N, C-alpha and C. Protein backbone atom coordinates (compact mmCIF):
# COMPACT_ATOMS: atom_id res chain seq x y z
N UNK A 1 0.81 -1.21 0.00
CA UNK A 1 0.01 0.00 0.00
C UNK A 1 0.85 1.27 0.00
N UNK A 2 2.13 1.16 0.36
CA UNK A 2 3.02 2.32 0.40
C UNK A 2 3.68 2.60 -0.93
N UNK A 3 3.63 1.67 -1.85
CA UNK A 3 4.42 1.76 -3.07
C UNK A 3 4.10 3.01 -3.88
N UNK A 4 2.82 3.26 -4.17
CA UNK A 4 2.49 4.39 -5.04
C UNK A 4 2.86 5.72 -4.37
N UNK A 5 2.58 5.85 -3.08
CA UNK A 5 2.93 7.09 -2.37
C UNK A 5 4.44 7.27 -2.33
N UNK A 6 5.18 6.22 -2.06
CA UNK A 6 6.63 6.31 -1.97
C UNK A 6 7.25 6.66 -3.32
N UNK A 7 6.76 6.09 -4.38
CA UNK A 7 7.29 6.38 -5.72
C UNK A 7 7.00 7.85 -6.07
N UNK A 8 5.79 8.32 -5.76
CA UNK A 8 5.47 9.72 -6.03
C UNK A 8 6.37 10.66 -5.23
N UNK A 9 6.61 10.35 -3.97
CA UNK A 9 7.47 11.19 -3.14
C UNK A 9 8.93 11.11 -3.60
N UNK A 10 9.34 9.95 -4.09
CA UNK A 10 10.68 9.80 -4.67
C UNK A 10 10.84 10.80 -5.82
N UNK A 11 9.86 10.84 -6.73
CA UNK A 11 9.93 11.74 -7.88
C UNK A 11 9.75 13.20 -7.46
N UNK A 12 8.96 13.43 -6.43
CA UNK A 12 8.81 14.80 -5.90
C UNK A 12 10.17 15.32 -5.43
N UNK A 13 10.87 14.53 -4.64
CA UNK A 13 12.19 14.95 -4.14
C UNK A 13 13.20 15.05 -5.28
N UNK A 14 13.10 14.15 -6.25
CA UNK A 14 13.95 14.19 -7.44
C UNK A 14 13.78 15.53 -8.17
N UNK A 15 12.54 15.93 -8.39
CA UNK A 15 12.30 17.16 -9.15
C UNK A 15 12.65 18.42 -8.35
N UNK A 16 12.40 18.40 -7.04
CA UNK A 16 12.78 19.54 -6.20
C UNK A 16 14.30 19.71 -6.22
N UNK A 17 15.03 18.61 -6.06
CA UNK A 17 16.49 18.67 -6.02
C UNK A 17 17.07 19.05 -7.37
N UNK A 18 16.50 18.51 -8.44
CA UNK A 18 16.96 18.90 -9.79
C UNK A 18 16.78 20.40 -10.01
N UNK A 19 15.61 20.89 -9.64
CA UNK A 19 15.35 22.33 -9.77
C UNK A 19 16.32 23.15 -8.93
N UNK A 20 16.59 22.66 -7.73
CA UNK A 20 17.50 23.39 -6.83
C UNK A 20 18.89 23.53 -7.44
N UNK A 21 19.38 22.47 -8.06
CA UNK A 21 20.72 22.55 -8.67
C UNK A 21 20.74 23.51 -9.84
N UNK A 22 19.69 23.53 -10.62
CA UNK A 22 19.62 24.46 -11.76
C UNK A 22 19.54 25.89 -11.25
N UNK A 23 18.65 26.13 -10.29
CA UNK A 23 18.47 27.48 -9.74
C UNK A 23 19.76 27.97 -9.09
N UNK A 24 20.45 27.08 -8.39
CA UNK A 24 21.70 27.48 -7.74
C UNK A 24 22.74 27.91 -8.77
N UNK A 25 22.84 27.20 -9.89
CA UNK A 25 23.78 27.58 -10.95
C UNK A 25 23.45 28.96 -11.48
N UNK A 26 22.16 29.20 -11.78
CA UNK A 26 21.76 30.49 -12.34
C UNK A 26 21.99 31.59 -11.31
N UNK A 27 21.70 31.31 -10.05
CA UNK A 27 21.89 32.29 -8.98
C UNK A 27 23.33 32.76 -8.90
N UNK A 28 24.24 31.80 -8.83
CA UNK A 28 25.67 32.14 -8.68
C UNK A 28 26.21 32.80 -9.95
N UNK A 29 25.86 32.25 -11.09
CA UNK A 29 26.35 32.79 -12.36
C UNK A 29 25.90 34.23 -12.57
N UNK A 30 24.62 34.47 -12.34
CA UNK A 30 24.09 35.82 -12.55
C UNK A 30 24.68 36.80 -11.55
N UNK A 31 24.82 36.39 -10.30
CA UNK A 31 25.37 37.27 -9.26
C UNK A 31 26.81 37.66 -9.60
N UNK A 32 27.61 36.67 -9.94
CA UNK A 32 29.02 36.96 -10.24
C UNK A 32 29.18 37.80 -11.50
N UNK A 33 28.32 37.58 -12.47
CA UNK A 33 28.39 38.35 -13.70
C UNK A 33 28.02 39.82 -13.48
N UNK A 34 26.99 40.07 -12.67
CA UNK A 34 26.48 41.43 -12.53
C UNK A 34 26.99 42.16 -11.30
N UNK A 35 27.31 41.44 -10.23
CA UNK A 35 27.67 42.10 -8.98
C UNK A 35 29.10 41.83 -8.51
N UNK A 36 29.77 40.88 -9.06
CA UNK A 36 31.15 40.50 -8.75
C UNK A 36 31.27 39.77 -7.40
N UNK A 37 32.39 39.10 -7.25
CA UNK A 37 32.62 38.28 -6.05
C UNK A 37 32.85 39.12 -4.80
N UNK A 38 33.19 40.39 -4.96
CA UNK A 38 33.41 41.27 -3.79
C UNK A 38 32.15 41.42 -2.94
N UNK A 39 31.00 41.29 -3.54
CA UNK A 39 29.74 41.49 -2.81
C UNK A 39 29.16 40.20 -2.25
N UNK A 40 29.81 39.08 -2.47
CA UNK A 40 29.31 37.81 -1.94
C UNK A 40 29.16 37.79 -0.41
N UNK A 41 30.11 38.29 0.36
CA UNK A 41 29.91 38.29 1.82
C UNK A 41 28.65 39.02 2.25
N UNK A 42 28.32 40.13 1.60
CA UNK A 42 27.11 40.87 1.93
C UNK A 42 25.86 40.06 1.58
N UNK A 43 25.93 39.37 0.45
CA UNK A 43 24.79 38.54 0.05
C UNK A 43 24.57 37.41 1.04
N UNK A 44 25.65 36.78 1.50
CA UNK A 44 25.51 35.71 2.48
C UNK A 44 24.96 36.24 3.81
N UNK A 45 25.42 37.39 4.24
CA UNK A 45 24.95 37.97 5.50
C UNK A 45 23.47 38.33 5.41
N UNK A 46 23.09 39.02 4.36
CA UNK A 46 21.69 39.39 4.20
C UNK A 46 20.79 38.16 4.04
N UNK A 47 21.31 37.14 3.37
CA UNK A 47 20.55 35.91 3.22
C UNK A 47 20.28 35.27 4.57
N UNK A 48 21.27 35.22 5.43
CA UNK A 48 21.08 34.64 6.76
C UNK A 48 20.00 35.38 7.54
N UNK A 49 19.97 36.69 7.43
CA UNK A 49 18.95 37.48 8.11
C UNK A 49 17.56 37.22 7.51
N UNK A 50 17.48 37.25 6.19
CA UNK A 50 16.19 37.04 5.53
C UNK A 50 15.66 35.62 5.73
N UNK A 51 16.52 34.65 5.72
CA UNK A 51 16.08 33.26 5.90
C UNK A 51 15.42 33.10 7.26
N UNK A 52 15.97 33.74 8.28
CA UNK A 52 15.36 33.68 9.61
C UNK A 52 13.93 34.21 9.59
N UNK A 53 13.72 35.30 8.88
CA UNK A 53 12.38 35.88 8.75
C UNK A 53 11.44 34.90 8.03
N UNK A 54 11.89 34.33 6.93
CA UNK A 54 11.04 33.44 6.15
C UNK A 54 10.77 32.10 6.84
N UNK A 55 11.72 31.62 7.61
CA UNK A 55 11.48 30.39 8.37
C UNK A 55 10.39 30.64 9.41
N UNK A 56 10.43 31.79 10.05
CA UNK A 56 9.39 32.14 11.03
C UNK A 56 8.04 32.26 10.34
N UNK A 57 7.99 32.95 9.22
CA UNK A 57 6.76 33.08 8.45
C UNK A 57 6.24 31.72 8.01
N UNK A 58 7.13 30.87 7.52
CA UNK A 58 6.79 29.52 7.09
C UNK A 58 6.15 28.74 8.23
N UNK A 59 6.75 28.80 9.41
CA UNK A 59 6.22 28.09 10.57
C UNK A 59 4.83 28.55 10.94
N UNK A 60 4.62 29.84 10.91
CA UNK A 60 3.30 30.39 11.26
C UNK A 60 2.24 29.98 10.24
N UNK A 61 2.58 30.05 8.97
CA UNK A 61 1.63 29.67 7.93
C UNK A 61 1.29 28.18 7.99
N UNK A 62 2.27 27.37 8.33
CA UNK A 62 2.02 25.93 8.43
C UNK A 62 1.08 25.60 9.59
N UNK A 63 1.06 26.43 10.62
CA UNK A 63 0.16 26.19 11.75
C UNK A 63 -1.29 26.57 11.44
N UNK A 64 -1.50 27.55 10.56
CA UNK A 64 -2.86 28.03 10.32
C UNK A 64 -3.46 27.49 9.02
N UNK A 65 -2.69 26.90 8.17
CA UNK A 65 -3.20 26.38 6.89
C UNK A 65 -3.04 24.88 6.82
N UNK A 66 -3.86 24.24 5.99
CA UNK A 66 -3.67 22.82 5.72
C UNK A 66 -2.36 22.68 4.96
N UNK A 67 -1.62 21.65 5.30
CA UNK A 67 -0.27 21.49 4.74
C UNK A 67 -0.27 21.42 3.22
N UNK A 68 -1.12 20.57 2.64
CA UNK A 68 -1.07 20.42 1.20
C UNK A 68 -1.51 21.71 0.48
N UNK A 69 -2.39 22.48 1.11
CA UNK A 69 -2.79 23.77 0.51
C UNK A 69 -1.62 24.75 0.55
N UNK A 70 -0.96 24.82 1.69
CA UNK A 70 0.17 25.73 1.82
C UNK A 70 1.31 25.36 0.86
N UNK A 71 1.61 24.08 0.76
CA UNK A 71 2.67 23.63 -0.15
C UNK A 71 2.28 23.91 -1.59
N UNK A 72 1.01 23.71 -1.92
CA UNK A 72 0.54 24.00 -3.28
C UNK A 72 0.67 25.49 -3.60
N UNK A 73 0.27 26.33 -2.66
CA UNK A 73 0.39 27.78 -2.87
C UNK A 73 1.87 28.16 -3.04
N UNK A 74 2.74 27.57 -2.23
CA UNK A 74 4.18 27.83 -2.34
C UNK A 74 4.69 27.44 -3.71
N UNK A 75 4.30 26.26 -4.18
CA UNK A 75 4.76 25.79 -5.50
C UNK A 75 4.28 26.72 -6.61
N UNK A 76 3.02 27.17 -6.53
CA UNK A 76 2.51 28.10 -7.54
C UNK A 76 3.30 29.41 -7.49
N UNK A 77 3.60 29.89 -6.28
CA UNK A 77 4.41 31.10 -6.14
C UNK A 77 5.79 30.91 -6.77
N UNK A 78 6.44 29.78 -6.52
CA UNK A 78 7.77 29.55 -7.06
C UNK A 78 7.74 29.40 -8.58
N UNK A 79 6.73 28.73 -9.10
CA UNK A 79 6.59 28.58 -10.55
C UNK A 79 6.42 29.95 -11.21
N UNK A 80 5.52 30.75 -10.66
CA UNK A 80 5.27 32.09 -11.20
C UNK A 80 6.52 32.95 -11.11
N UNK A 81 7.20 32.90 -9.97
CA UNK A 81 8.40 33.69 -9.78
C UNK A 81 9.49 33.30 -10.77
N UNK A 82 9.65 32.02 -11.01
CA UNK A 82 10.65 31.57 -11.98
C UNK A 82 10.37 32.12 -13.36
N UNK A 83 9.11 32.12 -13.76
CA UNK A 83 8.76 32.65 -15.07
C UNK A 83 9.01 34.16 -15.14
N UNK A 84 8.72 34.86 -14.04
CA UNK A 84 8.98 36.31 -14.01
C UNK A 84 10.47 36.58 -14.07
N UNK A 85 11.27 35.84 -13.31
CA UNK A 85 12.73 36.04 -13.35
C UNK A 85 13.28 35.70 -14.73
N UNK A 86 12.80 34.64 -15.34
CA UNK A 86 13.25 34.30 -16.68
C UNK A 86 12.95 35.46 -17.65
N UNK A 87 11.74 36.00 -17.55
CA UNK A 87 11.37 37.13 -18.38
C UNK A 87 12.28 38.34 -18.13
N UNK A 88 12.54 38.63 -16.87
CA UNK A 88 13.42 39.75 -16.54
C UNK A 88 14.84 39.54 -17.06
N UNK A 89 15.35 38.31 -16.92
CA UNK A 89 16.71 38.03 -17.36
C UNK A 89 16.85 38.04 -18.88
N UNK A 90 15.81 37.61 -19.58
CA UNK A 90 15.94 37.49 -21.03
C UNK A 90 15.37 38.69 -21.80
N UNK A 91 14.27 39.27 -21.30
CA UNK A 91 13.61 40.36 -22.03
C UNK A 91 13.70 41.70 -21.31
N UNK A 92 14.03 41.70 -20.05
CA UNK A 92 14.01 42.91 -19.24
C UNK A 92 14.97 43.98 -19.70
N UNK A 93 16.04 43.60 -20.37
CA UNK A 93 16.99 44.60 -20.86
C UNK A 93 16.35 45.59 -21.83
N UNK A 94 15.29 45.15 -22.47
CA UNK A 94 14.60 46.00 -23.44
C UNK A 94 13.76 47.08 -22.78
N UNK A 95 13.29 46.85 -21.55
CA UNK A 95 12.38 47.80 -20.95
C UNK A 95 12.71 48.22 -19.52
N UNK A 96 13.87 47.79 -19.02
CA UNK A 96 14.32 48.20 -17.68
C UNK A 96 15.62 48.99 -17.78
N UNK A 97 15.76 50.08 -17.03
CA UNK A 97 17.02 50.81 -17.01
C UNK A 97 18.15 49.94 -16.43
N UNK A 98 19.35 50.22 -16.85
CA UNK A 98 20.51 49.44 -16.44
C UNK A 98 20.71 49.43 -14.92
N UNK A 99 20.31 50.47 -14.25
CA UNK A 99 20.50 50.57 -12.79
C UNK A 99 19.74 49.49 -12.03
N UNK A 100 18.68 48.94 -12.61
CA UNK A 100 17.89 47.92 -11.93
C UNK A 100 18.51 46.54 -11.98
N UNK A 101 19.47 46.32 -12.87
CA UNK A 101 20.01 44.97 -13.06
C UNK A 101 20.68 44.42 -11.82
N UNK A 102 21.43 45.25 -11.11
CA UNK A 102 22.06 44.78 -9.88
C UNK A 102 21.01 44.36 -8.87
N UNK A 103 19.94 45.11 -8.77
CA UNK A 103 18.89 44.77 -7.82
C UNK A 103 18.19 43.46 -8.19
N UNK A 104 17.95 43.25 -9.46
CA UNK A 104 17.30 42.01 -9.89
C UNK A 104 18.18 40.81 -9.54
N UNK A 105 19.47 40.93 -9.76
CA UNK A 105 20.38 39.84 -9.41
C UNK A 105 20.38 39.57 -7.92
N UNK A 106 20.35 40.63 -7.12
CA UNK A 106 20.33 40.47 -5.66
C UNK A 106 19.01 39.86 -5.20
N UNK A 107 17.90 40.28 -5.77
CA UNK A 107 16.60 39.73 -5.41
C UNK A 107 16.54 38.25 -5.80
N UNK A 108 17.06 37.92 -6.97
CA UNK A 108 17.06 36.51 -7.38
C UNK A 108 17.92 35.68 -6.43
N UNK A 109 19.03 36.21 -5.99
CA UNK A 109 19.90 35.51 -5.04
C UNK A 109 19.10 35.14 -3.79
N UNK A 110 18.39 36.11 -3.21
CA UNK A 110 17.60 35.87 -2.01
C UNK A 110 16.45 34.92 -2.29
N UNK A 111 15.77 35.14 -3.40
CA UNK A 111 14.66 34.27 -3.76
C UNK A 111 15.12 32.83 -3.90
N UNK A 112 16.26 32.62 -4.54
CA UNK A 112 16.78 31.26 -4.75
C UNK A 112 17.07 30.58 -3.42
N UNK A 113 17.67 31.31 -2.48
CA UNK A 113 17.94 30.71 -1.17
C UNK A 113 16.66 30.39 -0.42
N UNK A 114 15.67 31.24 -0.55
CA UNK A 114 14.37 30.97 0.09
C UNK A 114 13.74 29.74 -0.55
N UNK A 115 13.84 29.62 -1.88
CA UNK A 115 13.32 28.44 -2.56
C UNK A 115 14.01 27.17 -2.05
N UNK A 116 15.33 27.22 -1.96
CA UNK A 116 16.07 26.03 -1.53
C UNK A 116 15.66 25.59 -0.14
N UNK A 117 15.58 26.52 0.78
CA UNK A 117 15.22 26.18 2.16
C UNK A 117 13.76 25.71 2.25
N UNK A 118 12.87 26.45 1.63
CA UNK A 118 11.44 26.15 1.73
C UNK A 118 11.08 24.83 1.06
N UNK A 119 11.56 24.60 -0.13
CA UNK A 119 11.15 23.40 -0.86
C UNK A 119 11.62 22.12 -0.18
N UNK A 120 12.83 22.11 0.30
CA UNK A 120 13.35 20.91 0.97
C UNK A 120 12.63 20.71 2.31
N UNK A 121 12.42 21.78 3.04
CA UNK A 121 11.69 21.69 4.31
C UNK A 121 10.29 21.16 4.09
N UNK A 122 9.62 21.65 3.08
CA UNK A 122 8.26 21.18 2.80
C UNK A 122 8.22 19.71 2.40
N UNK A 123 9.25 19.26 1.72
CA UNK A 123 9.31 17.83 1.40
C UNK A 123 9.34 17.00 2.68
N UNK A 124 10.19 17.38 3.62
CA UNK A 124 10.30 16.61 4.86
C UNK A 124 9.04 16.75 5.72
N UNK A 125 8.35 17.86 5.62
CA UNK A 125 7.07 18.01 6.32
C UNK A 125 6.05 17.03 5.73
N UNK A 126 6.05 16.90 4.41
CA UNK A 126 5.17 15.92 3.77
C UNK A 126 5.47 14.50 4.26
N UNK A 127 6.75 14.17 4.32
CA UNK A 127 7.14 12.84 4.80
C UNK A 127 6.63 12.62 6.22
N UNK A 128 6.79 13.62 7.05
CA UNK A 128 6.35 13.54 8.44
C UNK A 128 4.83 13.36 8.54
N UNK A 129 4.08 14.02 7.65
CA UNK A 129 2.62 13.91 7.67
C UNK A 129 2.11 12.59 7.12
N UNK A 130 2.80 12.04 6.15
CA UNK A 130 2.30 10.84 5.46
C UNK A 130 2.68 9.55 6.18
N UNK A 131 3.92 9.48 6.65
CA UNK A 131 4.41 8.22 7.23
C UNK A 131 4.52 8.30 8.74
N UNK A 132 4.28 7.15 9.37
CA UNK A 132 4.57 7.06 10.80
C UNK A 132 6.08 6.83 10.94
N UNK A 133 6.63 7.00 12.16
CA UNK A 133 8.09 6.89 12.32
C UNK A 133 8.69 5.57 11.83
N UNK A 134 7.99 4.47 12.04
CA UNK A 134 8.50 3.17 11.59
C UNK A 134 8.59 3.11 10.07
N UNK A 135 7.54 3.59 9.39
CA UNK A 135 7.56 3.61 7.93
C UNK A 135 8.66 4.54 7.41
N UNK A 136 8.78 5.68 8.02
CA UNK A 136 9.77 6.66 7.57
C UNK A 136 11.18 6.09 7.69
N UNK A 137 11.48 5.42 8.78
CA UNK A 137 12.82 4.83 8.95
C UNK A 137 13.09 3.78 7.88
N UNK A 138 12.06 3.03 7.53
CA UNK A 138 12.22 1.98 6.53
C UNK A 138 12.38 2.56 5.12
N UNK A 139 11.71 3.68 4.83
CA UNK A 139 11.69 4.21 3.47
C UNK A 139 12.66 5.36 3.22
N UNK A 140 13.31 5.82 4.26
CA UNK A 140 14.16 7.01 4.13
C UNK A 140 15.26 6.85 3.07
N UNK A 141 15.87 5.69 3.02
CA UNK A 141 16.93 5.47 2.03
C UNK A 141 16.41 5.59 0.60
N UNK A 142 15.25 5.02 0.36
CA UNK A 142 14.65 5.09 -0.97
C UNK A 142 14.32 6.53 -1.33
N UNK A 143 13.73 7.27 -0.40
CA UNK A 143 13.33 8.66 -0.67
C UNK A 143 14.54 9.56 -0.86
N UNK A 144 15.57 9.39 -0.06
CA UNK A 144 16.79 10.20 -0.20
C UNK A 144 17.47 9.92 -1.52
N UNK A 145 17.37 8.69 -2.01
CA UNK A 145 17.94 8.35 -3.31
C UNK A 145 17.32 9.21 -4.41
N UNK A 146 16.02 9.53 -4.27
CA UNK A 146 15.39 10.43 -5.24
C UNK A 146 16.06 11.79 -5.25
N UNK A 147 16.41 12.30 -4.06
CA UNK A 147 17.10 13.57 -3.98
C UNK A 147 18.50 13.50 -4.57
N UNK A 148 19.20 12.41 -4.28
CA UNK A 148 20.56 12.25 -4.81
C UNK A 148 20.56 12.17 -6.33
N UNK A 149 19.65 11.37 -6.87
CA UNK A 149 19.54 11.28 -8.33
C UNK A 149 19.08 12.60 -8.95
N UNK A 150 18.22 13.33 -8.22
CA UNK A 150 17.80 14.64 -8.67
C UNK A 150 18.97 15.61 -8.74
N UNK A 151 19.87 15.51 -7.78
CA UNK A 151 21.07 16.36 -7.79
C UNK A 151 21.93 16.07 -9.00
N UNK A 152 22.09 14.79 -9.31
CA UNK A 152 22.87 14.40 -10.49
C UNK A 152 22.19 14.90 -11.76
N UNK A 153 20.87 14.69 -11.84
CA UNK A 153 20.13 15.13 -13.03
C UNK A 153 20.17 16.65 -13.18
N UNK A 154 20.02 17.36 -12.06
CA UNK A 154 20.07 18.82 -12.09
C UNK A 154 21.42 19.32 -12.55
N UNK A 155 22.49 18.69 -12.06
CA UNK A 155 23.84 19.08 -12.48
C UNK A 155 24.04 18.81 -13.97
N UNK A 156 23.53 17.67 -14.45
CA UNK A 156 23.64 17.36 -15.87
C UNK A 156 22.85 18.37 -16.71
N UNK A 157 21.65 18.71 -16.25
CA UNK A 157 20.86 19.71 -16.98
C UNK A 157 21.54 21.07 -16.94
N UNK A 158 22.16 21.41 -15.81
CA UNK A 158 22.88 22.69 -15.68
C UNK A 158 24.03 22.77 -16.67
N UNK A 159 24.59 21.63 -17.02
CA UNK A 159 25.71 21.64 -17.97
C UNK A 159 25.25 22.06 -19.37
N UNK A 160 23.96 22.10 -19.60
CA UNK A 160 23.42 22.56 -20.88
C UNK A 160 23.47 24.08 -21.02
N UNK A 161 23.92 24.77 -19.98
CA UNK A 161 23.90 26.24 -20.00
C UNK A 161 24.67 26.83 -21.17
N UNK A 162 25.73 26.18 -21.59
CA UNK A 162 26.52 26.69 -22.72
C UNK A 162 25.74 26.59 -24.03
N UNK A 163 24.84 25.64 -24.09
CA UNK A 163 24.07 25.42 -25.32
C UNK A 163 22.82 26.30 -25.35
N UNK A 164 22.05 26.28 -24.26
CA UNK A 164 20.76 26.99 -24.26
C UNK A 164 20.80 28.36 -23.58
N UNK A 165 21.89 28.65 -22.89
CA UNK A 165 21.99 29.89 -22.13
C UNK A 165 21.59 29.67 -20.68
N UNK A 166 22.32 30.28 -19.79
CA UNK A 166 22.10 30.07 -18.36
C UNK A 166 20.68 30.43 -17.94
N UNK A 167 20.21 31.60 -18.36
CA UNK A 167 18.88 32.05 -17.94
C UNK A 167 17.78 31.13 -18.46
N UNK A 168 17.98 30.55 -19.64
CA UNK A 168 16.95 29.69 -20.22
C UNK A 168 16.78 28.36 -19.47
N UNK A 169 17.76 28.02 -18.65
CA UNK A 169 17.61 26.82 -17.81
C UNK A 169 16.46 26.99 -16.82
N UNK A 170 16.15 28.23 -16.50
CA UNK A 170 15.04 28.48 -15.55
C UNK A 170 13.71 27.97 -16.07
N UNK A 171 13.58 27.78 -17.38
CA UNK A 171 12.32 27.28 -17.94
C UNK A 171 12.09 25.80 -17.66
N UNK A 172 13.13 25.09 -17.32
CA UNK A 172 12.98 23.66 -16.98
C UNK A 172 12.31 23.52 -15.62
N UNK A 173 12.65 24.40 -14.71
CA UNK A 173 12.19 24.30 -13.32
C UNK A 173 10.67 24.42 -13.15
N UNK A 174 9.99 25.38 -13.81
CA UNK A 174 8.53 25.45 -13.63
C UNK A 174 7.82 24.16 -14.05
N UNK A 175 8.35 23.53 -15.09
CA UNK A 175 7.77 22.26 -15.52
C UNK A 175 7.89 21.21 -14.41
N UNK A 176 9.10 21.10 -13.83
CA UNK A 176 9.30 20.11 -12.76
C UNK A 176 8.48 20.46 -11.52
N UNK A 177 8.42 21.73 -11.18
CA UNK A 177 7.64 22.14 -10.01
C UNK A 177 6.14 21.95 -10.25
N UNK A 178 5.71 22.09 -11.50
CA UNK A 178 4.32 21.80 -11.85
C UNK A 178 3.98 20.33 -11.61
N UNK A 179 4.91 19.45 -11.94
CA UNK A 179 4.70 18.03 -11.63
C UNK A 179 4.65 17.80 -10.12
N UNK A 180 5.47 18.53 -9.38
CA UNK A 180 5.43 18.44 -7.91
C UNK A 180 4.06 18.87 -7.39
N UNK A 181 3.49 19.90 -8.00
CA UNK A 181 2.18 20.38 -7.61
C UNK A 181 1.12 19.30 -7.82
N UNK A 182 1.22 18.58 -8.92
CA UNK A 182 0.30 17.49 -9.19
C UNK A 182 0.46 16.40 -8.12
N UNK A 183 1.69 16.08 -7.77
CA UNK A 183 1.95 15.04 -6.77
C UNK A 183 1.39 15.45 -5.41
N UNK A 184 1.62 16.68 -5.00
CA UNK A 184 1.13 17.14 -3.70
C UNK A 184 -0.39 17.06 -3.62
N UNK A 185 -1.05 17.38 -4.69
CA UNK A 185 -2.52 17.37 -4.69
C UNK A 185 -3.11 15.99 -4.94
N UNK A 186 -2.30 15.04 -5.25
CA UNK A 186 -2.76 13.67 -5.42
C UNK A 186 -2.82 13.03 -4.07
């Protein structure tokens, strides 16, 4: 009776991790290209502060909303945000002043870190809600393998950046997150 749920969660973690590796590549590449490595310490410091705020917000929302509804809303937000960032990175030069580019790179840096923390946390919350401790201990290796394979797949997809362009890799992620949305609502 656990097989279908476990396989779906395996693929959910696979797609989240694949997306994370792609987003991380775009985040670092864009930041270094537009803001340089001198500003990395500031980005890390501000990220630590912002992550604390979003973890608190995440905890409060999880207490007042049904879990699958909150995770679904989060996935829709991340899908929409990815499409907006892709548009800004690829078409924004035509209608945004040059002064905004540094800010867009900085906002994407923070957004990417929030995505990484939130998506992985939500996966483990799902595991906690679906399985009892005995089941979770038995299935953890299988589920983590989905994340490991997702990391490999994400890194392989990220290597396509020279062919399709770094920013265009962002279009792969909404598709994968859309499949995650289907899994969460199943």
